[in-house]
Amino acid sequence: MKRFLLFVLVGVLALTACAPKAQEPAAAVLKVSDGTIEKTYTADDLKALGETQATFQDVTYVGVPLTVLVQDAGIDTTALTAVKAVAVDGFTANYDASLYAREDTLVAYARMDAPLADDEAPFRMVLPNEGGKMNPRQLIEIVAIP
């Protein structure tokens, strides 16, 4: 009987060791492209580019200016006609130079004292004093349009 229990215990341990390991979820990624150049960023990558604040609808967001992000991707912002922000659900917002070149146009990765809300994360656009449609949430891509 002891041998049988030992055999069962060894079998259970062997099966447990062979079970697939749980993988950590991949970090959220934001793609920046212009048709020829493509670069991806995590929230930590954006934080490394600097921190700026902007307020939209009484919430202060922390992020990186859109022009800084696009330039870091190797794209010349002075040669652009527009920039398009793409959300996870396919919603897009297009910005001409009067909007994308503003210092307070941010790609936000957090709120001032908290992470972005679940319905905003992982990234969102913040354009103070612009309508809600110009501030897409759940951002996945920035497309620079020459």
Protein backbone atom coordinates (compact mmCIF):
# COMPACT_ATOMS: atom_id res chain seq x y z
CA MET A 1 0.00 0.00 0.00
CA LYS A 2 2.84 2.38 0.84
CA ARG A 3 4.45 1.66 -2.52
CA PHE A 4 1.18 2.39 -4.30
CA LEU A 5 0.79 5.75 -2.51
CA LEU A 6 4.41 6.61 -3.24
CA PHE A 7 3.89 5.72 -6.90
CA VAL A 8 0.76 7.92 -7.10
CA LEU A 9 2.54 10.82 -5.38
CA VAL A 10 5.52 10.60 -7.76
CA GLY A 11 3.10 10.46 -10.71
CA VAL A 12 1.19 13.53 -9.56
CA LEU A 13 4.42 15.48 -9.03
CA ALA A 14 5.67 14.47 -12.48
CA LEU A 15 2.44 15.61 -14.13
CA THR A 16 2.53 18.88 -12.24
CA ALA A 17 6.08 19.54 -13.38
CA CYS A 18 5.07 18.90 -17.00
CA ALA A 19 2.08 21.25 -16.94
CA PRO A 20 2.47 24.41 -19.03
CA LYS A 21 3.65 27.40 -17.06
CA ALA A 22 1.38 30.43 -16.79
CA GLN A 23 2.75 33.25 -18.89
CA GLU A 24 2.75 36.83 -17.77
CA PRO A 25 0.67 39.07 -20.00
CA ALA A 26 2.71 41.01 -22.53
CA ALA A 27 3.17 44.70 -21.85
CA ALA A 28 0.84 46.95 -23.82
CA VAL A 29 2.45 48.33 -26.95
CA LEU A 30 1.82 51.50 -28.95
CA LYS A 31 2.91 51.45 -32.59
CA VAL A 32 4.16 54.63 -34.29
CA SER A 33 4.58 54.53 -38.06
CA ASP A 34 4.59 56.55 -41.26
CA GLY A 35 4.40 53.80 -43.87
CA THR A 36 8.17 53.25 -44.01
CA ILE A 37 9.25 53.61 -40.39
CA GLU A 38 7.64 51.61 -37.61
CA LYS A 39 8.56 51.65 -33.93
CA THR A 40 6.77 50.24 -30.89
CA TYR A 41 6.64 51.68 -27.39
CA THR A 42 5.64 50.40 -23.96
CA ALA A 43 4.54 52.69 -21.14
CA ASP A 44 8.08 52.50 -19.74
CA ASP A 45 9.45 53.61 -23.11
CA LEU A 46 7.13 56.62 -23.07
CA LYS A 47 8.14 57.47 -19.50
CA ALA A 48 11.78 57.48 -20.60
CA LEU A 49 10.96 60.19 -23.17
CA GLY A 50 9.93 62.59 -20.44
CA GLU A 51 6.85 63.52 -18.49
CA THR A 52 4.39 66.26 -19.31
CA GLN A 53 0.97 66.98 -17.86
CA ALA A 54 -2.26 68.10 -19.50
CA THR A 55 -5.81 68.36 -18.22
CA PHE A 56 -8.93 67.19 -20.05
CA GLN A 57 -12.41 67.22 -18.47
CA ASP A 58 -11.02 67.99 -15.00
CA VAL A 59 -8.59 65.03 -15.05
CA THR A 60 -4.84 65.65 -15.18
CA TYR A 61 -2.99 63.16 -17.35
CA VAL A 62 0.70 62.33 -17.54
CA GLY A 63 2.31 61.52 -20.86
CA VAL A 64 4.68 62.52 -23.59
CA PRO A 65 4.03 65.24 -26.18
CA LEU A 66 2.91 63.73 -29.48
CA THR A 67 5.64 65.53 -31.42
CA VAL A 68 8.35 64.15 -29.10
CA LEU A 69 7.05 60.62 -29.61
CA VAL A 70 6.83 60.92 -33.40
CA GLN A 71 10.31 62.46 -33.60
CA ASP A 72 11.73 59.71 -31.38
CA ALA A 73 10.36 57.19 -33.87
CA GLY A 74 12.55 58.86 -36.51
CA ILE A 75 9.79 60.76 -38.27
CA ASP A 76 10.25 64.41 -39.27
CA THR A 77 7.21 66.22 -37.88
CA THR A 78 7.80 69.27 -40.09
CA ALA A 79 7.17 67.12 -43.18
CA LEU A 80 3.77 65.86 -42.01
CA THR A 81 0.33 66.94 -43.15
CA ALA A 82 -1.50 65.09 -40.39
CA VAL A 83 -1.25 62.52 -37.61
CA LYS A 84 -3.89 59.84 -37.03
CA ALA A 85 -4.57 58.21 -33.66
CA VAL A 86 -6.06 54.70 -33.82
CA ALA A 87 -7.97 53.08 -30.94
CA VAL A 88 -8.33 49.35 -30.28
CA ASP A 89 -11.93 49.39 -31.58
CA GLY A 90 -10.87 50.98 -34.89
CA PHE A 91 -11.96 54.51 -33.99
CA THR A 92 -9.59 57.13 -35.41
CA ALA A 93 -8.98 60.81 -34.85
CA ASN A 94 -7.02 62.89 -37.36
CA TYR A 95 -4.98 65.90 -36.31
CA ASP A 96 -3.64 68.60 -38.60
CA ALA A 97 -0.52 70.56 -37.67
CA SER A 98 -2.51 73.06 -35.59
CA LEU A 99 -3.37 70.18 -33.25
CA TYR A 100 -0.57 67.60 -33.39
CA ALA A 101 2.18 70.22 -33.00
CA ARG A 102 0.77 71.75 -29.81
CA GLU A 103 2.95 71.27 -26.75
CA ASP A 104 -0.05 70.12 -24.71
CA THR A 105 -1.12 67.38 -27.15
CA LEU A 106 -0.14 64.25 -25.24
CA VAL A 107 -0.05 60.52 -25.56
CA ALA A 108 -0.94 59.73 -21.94
CA TYR A 109 0.13 56.61 -20.09
CA ALA A 110 -1.26 57.53 -16.63
CA ARG A 111 -3.41 59.91 -14.65
CA MET A 112 -1.66 62.32 -12.31
CA ASP A 113 -1.99 60.12 -9.22
CA ALA A 114 -3.17 56.81 -10.65
CA PRO A 115 -2.99 54.55 -13.66
CA LEU A 116 -5.35 55.17 -16.55
CA ALA A 117 -8.87 53.85 -15.98
CA ASP A 118 -9.65 50.48 -17.55
CA ASP A 119 -11.73 52.13 -20.28
CA GLU A 120 -8.79 54.43 -21.18
CA ALA A 121 -5.79 52.12 -20.93
CA PRO A 122 -3.21 51.33 -22.07
CA PHE A 123 -2.73 54.76 -23.71
CA ARG A 124 -4.94 57.68 -24.66
CA MET A 125 -4.69 60.97 -26.49
CA VAL A 126 -5.15 64.15 -24.49
CA LEU A 127 -5.92 67.41 -26.28
CA PRO A 128 -7.05 69.99 -23.71
CA ASN A 129 -9.99 72.16 -24.80
CA GLU A 130 -10.92 69.84 -27.67
CA GLY A 131 -14.03 67.68 -27.94
CA GLY A 132 -14.14 64.11 -26.70
CA LYS A 133 -13.82 62.68 -30.22
CA MET A 134 -10.39 64.26 -30.48
CA ASN A 135 -9.25 62.42 -27.32
CA PRO A 136 -9.46 58.71 -28.21
CA ARG A 137 -8.94 56.15 -25.49
CA GLN A 138 -7.39 52.68 -25.64
CA LEU A 139 -4.87 53.89 -28.19
CA ILE A 140 -2.88 51.27 -30.12
CA GLU A 141 -1.31 53.18 -33.00
CA ILE A 142 -0.11 56.59 -34.13
CA VAL A 143 0.14 57.01 -37.92
CA ALA A 144 2.16 59.95 -39.26
CA ILE A 145 0.82 61.11 -42.63
CA PRO A 146 3.33 62.86 -44.95
